[in-house]
């Protein structure tokens, strides 16, 4: 059995891993204060779990695994809060579809996406579009933001996204649909101006 004191060195965690863990947490949350809290929670959880560390992975890998769990746990809790706070909201998909689409499945005149008039983007315009998209993603509610990041940015399978966020497939489709509509509206307002 390995000597844990030789493998784990909590006195150096902050100087060795804090920046890396913070960068990862920021990439997943986009919120400085939340990322800092998650890193602190990671260190606290690691201190409490040191006796369970078996030495089968590196110290860094172990800390990142704890952080990933903390991030997933944060979004699971946020997802549960969202579901509870929206229990009184009834989503009538048939009336929703009636408001956006004709009987033939075409867009209603007033709800159709605007023509963006972009044929080819230069490198600078691509960067500006990416910045606009990131700003629009940041404006989404936490549950929508995390779902968009997992599904569309990290290209995770729907089943894995549902499991990680602790949501049903039906809830997944409602959330991603709303997120896409909000992103479309945000981009039309802030990037593709007619």
N, C-alpha and C. Protein backbone atom coordinates (compact mmCIF):
# COMPACT_ATOMS: atom_id res chain seq x y z
N UNK A 1 0.85 -1.19 0.00
CA UNK A 1 0.00 0.00 0.00
C UNK A 1 0.89 1.25 0.00
N UNK A 2 0.64 2.20 -0.92
CA UNK A 2 1.51 3.37 -1.01
C UNK A 2 1.35 4.28 0.20
N UNK A 3 2.40 4.96 0.54
CA UNK A 3 2.36 5.94 1.61
C UNK A 3 1.71 7.21 1.08
N UNK A 4 0.50 7.51 1.56
CA UNK A 4 -0.25 8.66 1.05
C UNK A 4 0.47 9.98 1.28
N UNK A 5 1.22 10.05 2.35
CA UNK A 5 1.90 11.31 2.65
C UNK A 5 2.95 11.64 1.59
N UNK A 6 3.47 10.61 0.90
CA UNK A 6 4.42 10.84 -0.18
C UNK A 6 3.72 11.22 -1.48
N UNK A 7 2.45 10.80 -1.61
CA UNK A 7 1.70 11.03 -2.85
C UNK A 7 0.92 12.33 -2.79
N UNK A 8 0.23 12.57 -1.69
CA UNK A 8 -0.59 13.77 -1.54
C UNK A 8 0.16 14.80 -0.71
N UNK A 9 0.16 16.03 -1.21
CA UNK A 9 0.83 17.10 -0.49
C UNK A 9 -0.10 18.32 -0.46
N UNK A 10 -1.06 18.33 0.48
CA UNK A 10 -2.04 19.40 0.52
C UNK A 10 -1.44 20.78 0.74
N UNK A 11 -0.24 20.85 1.31
CA UNK A 11 0.40 22.15 1.53
C UNK A 11 0.75 22.83 0.20
N UNK A 12 0.90 22.06 -0.86
CA UNK A 12 1.26 22.63 -2.16
C UNK A 12 0.08 22.70 -3.14
N UNK A 13 -1.09 22.26 -2.74
CA UNK A 13 -2.22 22.23 -3.67
C UNK A 13 -2.53 23.60 -4.25
N UNK A 14 -2.57 24.60 -3.41
CA UNK A 14 -2.93 25.93 -3.88
C UNK A 14 -1.91 26.44 -4.89
N UNK A 15 -0.65 26.35 -4.55
CA UNK A 15 0.37 26.89 -5.46
C UNK A 15 0.52 26.04 -6.72
N UNK A 16 0.28 24.75 -6.61
CA UNK A 16 0.49 23.86 -7.75
C UNK A 16 -0.73 23.72 -8.65
N UNK A 17 -1.92 23.64 -8.07
CA UNK A 17 -3.11 23.28 -8.85
C UNK A 17 -4.22 24.34 -8.92
N UNK A 18 -4.18 25.34 -8.05
CA UNK A 18 -5.30 26.28 -7.97
C UNK A 18 -5.61 26.95 -9.32
N UNK A 19 -4.59 27.42 -10.01
CA UNK A 19 -4.82 28.10 -11.30
C UNK A 19 -5.42 27.16 -12.34
N UNK A 20 -4.92 25.94 -12.40
CA UNK A 20 -5.44 24.97 -13.36
C UNK A 20 -6.90 24.61 -13.04
N UNK A 21 -7.16 24.36 -11.77
CA UNK A 21 -8.53 24.02 -11.36
C UNK A 21 -9.47 25.19 -11.60
N UNK A 22 -9.01 26.40 -11.27
CA UNK A 22 -9.83 27.59 -11.49
C UNK A 22 -10.13 27.77 -12.98
N UNK A 23 -9.13 27.60 -13.83
CA UNK A 23 -9.34 27.73 -15.28
C UNK A 23 -10.38 26.75 -15.78
N UNK A 24 -10.30 25.52 -15.30
CA UNK A 24 -11.28 24.51 -15.70
C UNK A 24 -12.67 24.88 -15.20
N UNK A 25 -12.77 25.29 -13.93
CA UNK A 25 -14.07 25.67 -13.37
C UNK A 25 -14.65 26.87 -14.11
N UNK A 26 -13.81 27.82 -14.49
CA UNK A 26 -14.28 28.99 -15.26
C UNK A 26 -14.81 28.56 -16.62
N UNK A 27 -14.15 27.60 -17.26
CA UNK A 27 -14.59 27.14 -18.57
C UNK A 27 -15.96 26.46 -18.49
N UNK A 28 -16.28 25.92 -17.33
CA UNK A 28 -17.55 25.22 -17.15
C UNK A 28 -18.65 26.12 -16.62
N UNK A 29 -18.29 27.18 -15.89
CA UNK A 29 -19.31 28.02 -15.26
C UNK A 29 -19.38 29.43 -15.82
N UNK A 30 -18.24 29.96 -16.23
CA UNK A 30 -18.21 31.33 -16.74
C UNK A 30 -18.39 32.38 -15.66
N UNK A 31 -18.34 31.97 -14.40
CA UNK A 31 -18.54 32.91 -13.29
C UNK A 31 -17.37 32.81 -12.33
N UNK A 32 -16.66 33.92 -12.17
CA UNK A 32 -15.45 33.94 -11.36
C UNK A 32 -15.71 33.49 -9.92
N UNK A 33 -16.69 34.09 -9.28
CA UNK A 33 -16.96 33.78 -7.87
C UNK A 33 -17.36 32.31 -7.70
N UNK A 34 -18.19 31.81 -8.59
CA UNK A 34 -18.60 30.41 -8.51
C UNK A 34 -17.41 29.49 -8.73
N UNK A 35 -16.56 29.81 -9.71
CA UNK A 35 -15.38 28.98 -9.99
C UNK A 35 -14.45 28.96 -8.77
N UNK A 36 -14.26 30.12 -8.14
CA UNK A 36 -13.42 30.17 -6.94
C UNK A 36 -14.01 29.31 -5.83
N UNK A 37 -15.33 29.41 -5.63
CA UNK A 37 -16.00 28.60 -4.60
C UNK A 37 -15.85 27.11 -4.87
N UNK A 38 -16.00 26.72 -6.13
CA UNK A 38 -15.89 25.31 -6.48
C UNK A 38 -14.47 24.78 -6.24
N UNK A 39 -13.47 25.59 -6.52
CA UNK A 39 -12.09 25.17 -6.27
C UNK A 39 -11.87 25.02 -4.76
N UNK A 40 -12.37 25.97 -3.98
CA UNK A 40 -12.23 25.86 -2.52
C UNK A 40 -12.95 24.61 -2.00
N UNK A 41 -14.15 24.36 -2.51
CA UNK A 41 -14.89 23.16 -2.11
C UNK A 41 -14.12 21.90 -2.50
N UNK A 42 -13.44 21.94 -3.63
CA UNK A 42 -12.63 20.81 -4.08
C UNK A 42 -11.51 20.53 -3.09
N UNK A 43 -10.80 21.58 -2.69
CA UNK A 43 -9.71 21.40 -1.74
C UNK A 43 -10.22 20.87 -0.39
N UNK A 44 -11.35 21.41 0.07
CA UNK A 44 -11.92 20.94 1.34
C UNK A 44 -12.33 19.47 1.26
N UNK A 45 -13.00 19.12 0.16
CA UNK A 45 -13.42 17.73 -0.03
C UNK A 45 -12.21 16.81 -0.12
N UNK A 46 -11.16 17.27 -0.77
CA UNK A 46 -9.94 16.46 -0.90
C UNK A 46 -9.29 16.25 0.46
N UNK A 47 -9.25 17.28 1.28
CA UNK A 47 -8.68 17.13 2.62
C UNK A 47 -9.47 16.09 3.43
N UNK A 48 -10.78 16.15 3.31
CA UNK A 48 -11.63 15.20 4.04
C UNK A 48 -11.48 13.78 3.50
N UNK A 49 -11.19 13.66 2.22
CA UNK A 49 -11.14 12.34 1.57
C UNK A 49 -9.73 11.77 1.45
N UNK A 50 -8.75 12.44 2.01
CA UNK A 50 -7.36 11.98 1.87
C UNK A 50 -7.18 10.52 2.31
N UNK A 51 -7.87 10.12 3.36
CA UNK A 51 -7.70 8.76 3.86
C UNK A 51 -8.23 7.72 2.87
N UNK A 52 -9.10 8.16 1.95
CA UNK A 52 -9.67 7.24 0.95
C UNK A 52 -8.85 7.18 -0.34
N UNK A 53 -7.87 8.08 -0.47
CA UNK A 53 -7.04 8.11 -1.68
C UNK A 53 -6.19 6.86 -1.75
N UNK A 54 -6.31 6.12 -2.85
CA UNK A 54 -5.63 4.84 -2.98
C UNK A 54 -4.32 4.93 -3.78
N UNK A 55 -4.06 6.10 -4.36
CA UNK A 55 -2.83 6.25 -5.12
C UNK A 55 -2.90 5.65 -6.51
N UNK A 56 -4.11 5.36 -6.99
CA UNK A 56 -4.25 4.76 -8.32
C UNK A 56 -4.22 5.81 -9.43
N UNK A 57 -4.23 7.07 -9.06
CA UNK A 57 -4.12 8.15 -10.03
C UNK A 57 -3.18 9.20 -9.45
N UNK A 58 -2.82 10.17 -10.27
CA UNK A 58 -1.96 11.23 -9.76
C UNK A 58 -2.78 12.16 -8.87
N UNK A 59 -2.09 12.92 -8.08
CA UNK A 59 -2.74 13.90 -7.21
C UNK A 59 -3.58 14.87 -8.06
N UNK A 60 -3.01 15.32 -9.16
CA UNK A 60 -3.70 16.26 -10.05
C UNK A 60 -4.98 15.64 -10.61
N UNK A 61 -4.90 14.42 -11.12
CA UNK A 61 -6.07 13.73 -11.68
C UNK A 61 -7.15 13.58 -10.62
N UNK A 62 -6.74 13.23 -9.42
CA UNK A 62 -7.68 13.04 -8.31
C UNK A 62 -8.39 14.36 -7.98
N UNK A 63 -7.65 15.46 -7.92
CA UNK A 63 -8.25 16.77 -7.62
C UNK A 63 -9.21 17.19 -8.73
N UNK A 64 -8.83 16.95 -9.97
CA UNK A 64 -9.72 17.30 -11.08
C UNK A 64 -11.00 16.46 -11.05
N UNK A 65 -10.89 15.20 -10.67
CA UNK A 65 -12.08 14.35 -10.56
C UNK A 65 -13.03 14.90 -9.50
N UNK A 66 -12.47 15.35 -8.39
CA UNK A 66 -13.30 15.95 -7.34
C UNK A 66 -13.96 17.22 -7.85
N UNK A 67 -13.19 18.07 -8.55
CA UNK A 67 -13.75 19.31 -9.09
C UNK A 67 -14.86 19.02 -10.08
N UNK A 68 -14.67 18.05 -10.96
CA UNK A 68 -15.72 17.70 -11.93
C UNK A 68 -16.99 17.28 -11.22
N UNK A 69 -16.85 16.52 -10.14
CA UNK A 69 -18.00 16.12 -9.36
C UNK A 69 -18.67 17.35 -8.74
N UNK A 70 -17.89 18.26 -8.21
CA UNK A 70 -18.44 19.48 -7.59
C UNK A 70 -19.20 20.32 -8.62
N UNK A 71 -18.66 20.42 -9.83
CA UNK A 71 -19.34 21.19 -10.89
C UNK A 71 -20.65 20.51 -11.28
N UNK A 72 -20.59 19.20 -11.49
CA UNK A 72 -21.81 18.46 -11.85
C UNK A 72 -22.84 18.57 -10.74
N UNK A 73 -22.39 18.48 -9.49
CA UNK A 73 -23.30 18.59 -8.35
C UNK A 73 -23.94 19.97 -8.31
N UNK A 74 -23.16 21.01 -8.59
CA UNK A 74 -23.71 22.37 -8.63
C UNK A 74 -24.83 22.48 -9.66
N UNK A 75 -24.60 21.95 -10.85
CA UNK A 75 -25.61 22.05 -11.90
C UNK A 75 -26.80 21.13 -11.66
N UNK A 76 -26.57 19.99 -11.00
CA UNK A 76 -27.69 19.14 -10.62
C UNK A 76 -28.61 19.88 -9.65
N UNK A 77 -27.99 20.55 -8.67
CA UNK A 77 -28.78 21.32 -7.70
C UNK A 77 -29.50 22.47 -8.39
N UNK A 78 -28.81 23.15 -9.30
CA UNK A 78 -29.44 24.26 -10.03
C UNK A 78 -30.59 23.75 -10.89
N UNK A 79 -30.41 22.58 -11.50
CA UNK A 79 -31.46 21.99 -12.33
C UNK A 79 -32.66 21.64 -11.48
N UNK A 80 -32.43 21.07 -10.29
CA UNK A 80 -33.54 20.72 -9.40
C UNK A 80 -34.27 21.97 -8.96
N UNK A 81 -33.53 23.02 -8.61
CA UNK A 81 -34.16 24.29 -8.22
C UNK A 81 -35.00 24.83 -9.37
N UNK A 82 -34.48 24.73 -10.59
CA UNK A 82 -35.20 25.22 -11.76
C UNK A 82 -36.50 24.46 -11.94
N UNK A 83 -36.43 23.12 -11.81
CA UNK A 83 -37.64 22.32 -11.98
C UNK A 83 -38.66 22.65 -10.91
N UNK A 84 -38.23 22.82 -9.66
CA UNK A 84 -39.15 23.14 -8.58
C UNK A 84 -39.75 24.52 -8.79
N UNK A 85 -38.93 25.50 -9.14
CA UNK A 85 -39.44 26.85 -9.30
C UNK A 85 -40.34 26.99 -10.52
N UNK A 86 -40.27 26.06 -11.45
CA UNK A 86 -41.10 26.15 -12.64
C UNK A 86 -42.21 25.11 -12.68
N UNK A 87 -42.50 24.48 -11.54
CA UNK A 87 -43.55 23.48 -11.53
C UNK A 87 -44.90 24.09 -11.89
N UNK A 88 -45.12 25.35 -11.52
CA UNK A 88 -46.40 25.98 -11.83
C UNK A 88 -46.48 26.44 -13.28
N UNK A 89 -45.33 26.46 -13.97
CA UNK A 89 -45.31 26.87 -15.36
C UNK A 89 -45.72 25.68 -16.22
N UNK A 90 -46.80 25.86 -16.96
CA UNK A 90 -47.21 24.76 -17.83
C UNK A 90 -46.76 25.07 -19.24
N UNK A 91 -46.09 24.14 -19.81
CA UNK A 91 -45.57 24.30 -21.16
C UNK A 91 -46.49 23.56 -22.11
N UNK A 92 -47.33 24.30 -22.78
CA UNK A 92 -48.27 23.72 -23.73
C UNK A 92 -47.61 23.74 -25.11
N UNK A 93 -47.00 22.62 -25.46
CA UNK A 93 -46.23 22.56 -26.68
C UNK A 93 -47.09 22.81 -27.92
N UNK A 94 -48.34 22.40 -27.90
CA UNK A 94 -49.19 22.59 -29.08
C UNK A 94 -49.43 24.08 -29.34
N UNK A 95 -49.70 24.86 -28.27
CA UNK A 95 -49.91 26.29 -28.51
C UNK A 95 -48.60 26.97 -28.86
N UNK A 96 -47.50 26.46 -28.30
CA UNK A 96 -46.19 27.00 -28.61
C UNK A 96 -45.88 26.81 -30.09
N UNK A 97 -46.15 25.61 -30.58
CA UNK A 97 -45.92 25.32 -31.99
C UNK A 97 -46.84 26.17 -32.86
N UNK A 98 -48.08 26.34 -32.43
CA UNK A 98 -49.02 27.17 -33.19
C UNK A 98 -48.53 28.61 -33.30
N UNK A 99 -47.83 29.10 -32.28
CA UNK A 99 -47.35 30.47 -32.29
C UNK A 99 -46.15 30.68 -33.21
N UNK A 100 -45.40 29.63 -33.48
CA UNK A 100 -44.18 29.78 -34.27
C UNK A 100 -44.26 29.17 -35.67
N UNK A 101 -45.15 28.19 -35.85
CA UNK A 101 -45.17 27.48 -37.12
C UNK A 101 -46.58 27.40 -37.69
N UNK A 102 -46.65 27.32 -39.03
CA UNK A 102 -47.93 27.12 -39.71
C UNK A 102 -48.29 25.64 -39.64
N UNK A 103 -49.49 25.30 -40.11
CA UNK A 103 -49.91 23.90 -40.12
C UNK A 103 -49.00 23.04 -40.99
N UNK A 104 -48.38 23.65 -41.99
CA UNK A 104 -47.47 22.93 -42.88
C UNK A 104 -46.07 22.77 -42.30
N UNK A 105 -45.83 23.35 -41.12
CA UNK A 105 -44.52 23.24 -40.50
C UNK A 105 -43.56 24.36 -40.89
N UNK A 106 -44.04 25.33 -41.67
CA UNK A 106 -43.20 26.47 -42.03
C UNK A 106 -43.25 27.51 -40.91
N UNK A 107 -42.25 28.38 -40.91
CA UNK A 107 -42.23 29.45 -39.90
C UNK A 107 -43.40 30.40 -40.14
N UNK A 108 -44.02 30.88 -39.06
CA UNK A 108 -44.98 31.97 -39.16
C UNK A 108 -44.20 33.21 -39.61
N UNK A 109 -44.85 34.09 -40.32
CA UNK A 109 -44.17 35.25 -40.89
C UNK A 109 -43.43 36.08 -39.83
N UNK A 110 -44.07 36.32 -38.69
CA UNK A 110 -43.47 37.19 -37.67
C UNK A 110 -42.45 36.48 -36.78
N UNK A 111 -42.38 35.16 -36.85
CA UNK A 111 -41.46 34.43 -35.97
C UNK A 111 -40.29 33.79 -36.72
N UNK A 112 -40.29 33.88 -38.02
CA UNK A 112 -39.21 33.28 -38.81
C UNK A 112 -37.89 33.97 -38.48
N UNK A 113 -36.80 33.22 -38.50
CA UNK A 113 -35.49 33.85 -38.26
C UNK A 113 -35.21 34.90 -39.32
N UNK A 114 -34.60 36.00 -38.89
CA UNK A 114 -34.22 37.04 -39.83
C UNK A 114 -33.11 36.53 -40.72
N UNK A 115 -33.05 37.03 -41.94
CA UNK A 115 -31.93 36.70 -42.81
C UNK A 115 -30.72 37.44 -42.26
N UNK A 116 -29.66 36.69 -42.05
CA UNK A 116 -28.49 37.28 -41.44
C UNK A 116 -27.56 37.92 -42.46
N UNK A 117 -27.74 37.60 -43.71
CA UNK A 117 -26.98 38.24 -44.77
C UNK A 117 -25.48 38.00 -44.70
N UNK A 118 -25.10 36.85 -44.20
CA UNK A 118 -23.68 36.54 -44.08
C UNK A 118 -23.37 35.35 -44.98
N UNK A 119 -22.57 35.59 -45.98
CA UNK A 119 -22.18 34.53 -46.89
C UNK A 119 -20.87 33.89 -46.44
N UNK A 120 -19.91 34.74 -46.12
CA UNK A 120 -18.58 34.24 -45.76
C UNK A 120 -18.02 35.18 -44.69
N UNK A 121 -17.53 34.62 -43.62
CA UNK A 121 -16.98 35.44 -42.56
C UNK A 121 -15.45 35.45 -42.63
N UNK A 122 -14.87 36.62 -42.43
CA UNK A 122 -13.42 36.71 -42.34
C UNK A 122 -13.01 36.20 -40.97
N UNK A 123 -11.73 36.03 -40.77
CA UNK A 123 -11.20 35.55 -39.50
C UNK A 123 -11.61 36.47 -38.35
N UNK A 124 -11.53 37.77 -38.58
CA UNK A 124 -11.92 38.74 -37.54
C UNK A 124 -13.40 38.62 -37.23
N UNK A 125 -14.23 38.49 -38.27
CA UNK A 125 -15.67 38.37 -38.06
C UNK A 125 -16.00 37.07 -37.33
N UNK A 126 -15.27 35.99 -37.63
CA UNK A 126 -15.47 34.74 -36.92
C UNK A 126 -15.20 34.92 -35.43
N UNK A 127 -14.12 35.64 -35.09
CA UNK A 127 -13.79 35.89 -33.68
C UNK A 127 -14.87 36.75 -33.04
N UNK A 128 -15.34 37.75 -33.77
CA UNK A 128 -16.39 38.61 -33.23
C UNK A 128 -17.69 37.83 -33.02
N UNK A 129 -18.01 36.95 -33.96
CA UNK A 129 -19.19 36.10 -33.82
C UNK A 129 -19.03 35.17 -32.62
N UNK A 130 -17.85 34.58 -32.47
CA UNK A 130 -17.60 33.69 -31.33
C UNK A 130 -17.76 34.45 -30.02
N UNK A 131 -17.25 35.69 -29.97
CA UNK A 131 -17.41 36.51 -28.77
C UNK A 131 -18.88 36.82 -28.50
N UNK A 132 -19.61 37.17 -29.56
CA UNK A 132 -21.04 37.46 -29.41
C UNK A 132 -21.79 36.22 -28.92
N UNK A 133 -21.46 35.06 -29.49
CA UNK A 133 -22.11 33.82 -29.08
C UNK A 133 -21.80 33.50 -27.62
N UNK A 134 -20.53 33.67 -27.22
CA UNK A 134 -20.17 33.43 -25.82
C UNK A 134 -20.90 34.37 -24.88
N UNK A 135 -21.04 35.64 -25.27
CA UNK A 135 -21.79 36.58 -24.43
C UNK A 135 -23.25 36.17 -24.32
N UNK A 136 -23.82 35.70 -25.44
CA UNK A 136 -25.21 35.25 -25.42
C UNK A 136 -25.38 34.00 -24.56
N UNK A 137 -24.42 33.08 -24.64
CA UNK A 137 -24.48 31.87 -23.81
C UNK A 137 -24.39 32.25 -22.34
N UNK A 138 -23.53 33.22 -22.01
CA UNK A 138 -23.38 33.66 -20.62
C UNK A 138 -24.67 34.25 -20.06
N UNK A 139 -25.52 34.81 -20.92
CA UNK A 139 -26.78 35.42 -20.46
C UNK A 139 -27.86 34.38 -20.18
N UNK A 140 -27.66 33.14 -20.61
CA UNK A 140 -28.66 32.09 -20.39
C UNK A 140 -28.75 31.74 -18.92
N UNK A 141 -29.91 31.27 -18.46
CA UNK A 141 -29.99 30.74 -17.09
C UNK A 141 -29.01 29.58 -16.96
N UNK A 142 -28.55 29.33 -15.72
CA UNK A 142 -27.51 28.31 -15.49
C UNK A 142 -27.84 26.96 -16.10
N UNK A 143 -29.08 26.49 -15.94
CA UNK A 143 -29.40 25.15 -16.45
C UNK A 143 -29.32 25.12 -17.98
N UNK A 144 -29.76 26.17 -18.65
CA UNK A 144 -29.68 26.23 -20.11
C UNK A 144 -28.23 26.37 -20.56
N UNK A 145 -27.48 27.18 -19.85
CA UNK A 145 -26.08 27.40 -20.21
C UNK A 145 -25.29 26.09 -20.13
N UNK A 146 -25.44 25.37 -19.02
CA UNK A 146 -24.69 24.13 -18.86
C UNK A 146 -25.11 23.11 -19.91
N UNK A 147 -26.40 23.04 -20.21
CA UNK A 147 -26.88 22.10 -21.21
C UNK A 147 -26.29 22.43 -22.59
N UNK A 148 -26.30 23.70 -22.95
CA UNK A 148 -25.74 24.14 -24.24
C UNK A 148 -24.24 23.81 -24.30
N UNK A 149 -23.53 24.08 -23.22
CA UNK A 149 -22.09 23.80 -23.21
C UNK A 149 -21.81 22.31 -23.35
N UNK A 150 -22.57 21.50 -22.63
CA UNK A 150 -22.35 20.05 -22.70
C UNK A 150 -22.73 19.49 -24.07
N UNK A 151 -23.89 19.88 -24.57
CA UNK A 151 -24.41 19.27 -25.80
C UNK A 151 -23.78 19.86 -27.06
N UNK A 152 -23.75 21.18 -27.15
CA UNK A 152 -23.33 21.80 -28.40
C UNK A 152 -21.84 22.15 -28.46
N UNK A 153 -21.23 22.42 -27.33
CA UNK A 153 -19.81 22.77 -27.34
C UNK A 153 -18.97 21.50 -27.14
N UNK A 154 -19.30 20.72 -26.09
CA UNK A 154 -18.52 19.51 -25.83
C UNK A 154 -19.05 18.30 -26.61
N UNK A 155 -20.19 18.45 -27.27
CA UNK A 155 -20.80 17.43 -28.12
C UNK A 155 -21.03 16.11 -27.38
N UNK A 156 -21.51 16.22 -26.14
CA UNK A 156 -21.84 15.03 -25.36
C UNK A 156 -23.14 14.42 -25.88
N UNK A 157 -23.31 13.13 -25.67
CA UNK A 157 -24.54 12.44 -26.04
C UNK A 157 -25.67 12.92 -25.13
N UNK A 158 -26.88 12.98 -25.69
CA UNK A 158 -28.05 13.46 -24.95
C UNK A 158 -28.24 12.68 -23.65
N UNK A 159 -28.09 11.38 -23.71
CA UNK A 159 -28.28 10.54 -22.52
C UNK A 159 -27.29 10.93 -21.41
N UNK A 160 -26.05 11.19 -21.80
CA UNK A 160 -25.03 11.57 -20.81
C UNK A 160 -25.34 12.95 -20.23
N UNK A 161 -25.81 13.87 -21.08
CA UNK A 161 -26.17 15.21 -20.61
C UNK A 161 -27.30 15.11 -19.58
N UNK A 162 -28.32 14.32 -19.90
CA UNK A 162 -29.46 14.14 -18.98
C UNK A 162 -28.99 13.57 -17.65
N UNK A 163 -28.10 12.60 -17.72
CA UNK A 163 -27.60 11.96 -16.50
C UNK A 163 -26.78 12.96 -15.68
N UNK A 164 -25.90 13.70 -16.35
CA UNK A 164 -25.03 14.64 -15.64
C UNK A 164 -25.83 15.77 -15.00
N UNK A 165 -26.89 16.24 -15.69
CA UNK A 165 -27.69 17.34 -15.16
C UNK A 165 -28.89 16.86 -14.35
N UNK A 166 -29.05 15.53 -14.28
CA UNK A 166 -30.15 14.93 -13.53
C UNK A 166 -31.52 15.45 -14.02
N UNK A 167 -31.72 15.37 -15.33
CA UNK A 167 -32.99 15.79 -15.93
C UNK A 167 -33.54 14.67 -16.81
N UNK A 168 -34.82 14.74 -17.08
CA UNK A 168 -35.45 13.74 -17.95
C UNK A 168 -35.21 14.14 -19.41
N UNK A 169 -35.34 13.19 -20.34
CA UNK A 169 -35.21 13.55 -21.76
C UNK A 169 -36.23 14.61 -22.19
N UNK A 170 -37.45 14.53 -21.67
CA UNK A 170 -38.47 15.54 -22.01
C UNK A 170 -38.03 16.92 -21.54
N UNK A 171 -37.54 16.99 -20.29
CA UNK A 171 -37.07 18.25 -19.76
C UNK A 171 -35.88 18.76 -20.57
N UNK A 172 -35.01 17.83 -20.99
CA UNK A 172 -33.85 18.18 -21.82
C UNK A 172 -34.31 18.91 -23.09
N UNK A 173 -35.29 18.32 -23.80
CA UNK A 173 -35.73 18.91 -25.06
C UNK A 173 -36.38 20.27 -24.87
N UNK A 174 -37.13 20.43 -23.79
CA UNK A 174 -37.74 21.74 -23.51
C UNK A 174 -36.66 22.77 -23.22
N UNK A 175 -35.70 22.41 -22.37
CA UNK A 175 -34.64 23.35 -21.99
C UNK A 175 -33.78 23.72 -23.20
N UNK A 176 -33.38 22.74 -24.00
CA UNK A 176 -32.50 23.06 -25.13
C UNK A 176 -33.25 23.88 -26.19
N UNK A 177 -34.54 23.60 -26.35
CA UNK A 177 -35.32 24.36 -27.32
C UNK A 177 -35.41 25.83 -26.89
N UNK A 178 -35.70 26.05 -25.62
CA UNK A 178 -35.78 27.42 -25.11
C UNK A 178 -34.43 28.12 -25.22
N UNK A 179 -33.37 27.40 -24.91
CA UNK A 179 -32.02 27.97 -24.98
C UNK A 179 -31.69 28.38 -26.41
N UNK A 180 -32.01 27.53 -27.37
CA UNK A 180 -31.72 27.85 -28.77
C UNK A 180 -32.51 29.08 -29.23
N UNK A 181 -33.77 29.17 -28.82
CA UNK A 181 -34.56 30.35 -29.19
C UNK A 181 -33.97 31.61 -28.57
N UNK A 182 -33.53 31.53 -27.33
CA UNK A 182 -32.92 32.70 -26.68
C UNK A 182 -31.60 33.07 -27.34
N UNK A 183 -30.81 32.06 -27.71
CA UNK A 183 -29.55 32.34 -28.39
C UNK A 183 -29.80 33.00 -29.75
N UNK A 184 -30.79 32.49 -30.46
CA UNK A 184 -31.14 33.07 -31.76
C UNK A 184 -31.53 34.54 -31.61
N UNK A 185 -32.40 34.82 -30.64
CA UNK A 185 -32.86 36.20 -30.42
C UNK A 185 -31.69 37.09 -30.00
N UNK A 186 -30.84 36.58 -29.14
CA UNK A 186 -29.69 37.36 -28.67
C UNK A 186 -28.73 37.66 -29.82
N UNK A 187 -28.45 36.67 -30.65
CA UNK A 187 -27.55 36.89 -31.78
C UNK A 187 -28.16 37.85 -32.80
N UNK A 188 -29.46 37.71 -33.05
CA UNK A 188 -30.10 38.63 -33.98
C UNK A 188 -30.05 40.07 -33.48
N UNK A 189 -30.17 40.22 -32.18
CA UNK A 189 -30.14 41.57 -31.60
C UNK A 189 -28.74 42.14 -31.53
N UNK A 190 -27.76 41.29 -31.18
CA UNK A 190 -26.42 41.78 -30.89
C UNK A 190 -25.38 41.56 -31.97
N UNK A 191 -25.67 40.71 -32.95
CA UNK A 191 -24.67 40.42 -33.95
C UNK A 191 -25.20 40.62 -35.36
N UNK A 192 -26.26 39.90 -35.71
CA UNK A 192 -26.79 39.96 -37.05
C UNK A 192 -27.92 40.98 -37.09
N UNK A 193 -27.56 42.22 -37.29
CA UNK A 193 -28.56 43.28 -37.32
C UNK A 193 -29.01 43.48 -38.76
N UNK A 194 -30.32 43.42 -38.93
CA UNK A 194 -30.88 43.55 -40.29
C UNK A 194 -30.75 44.96 -40.81
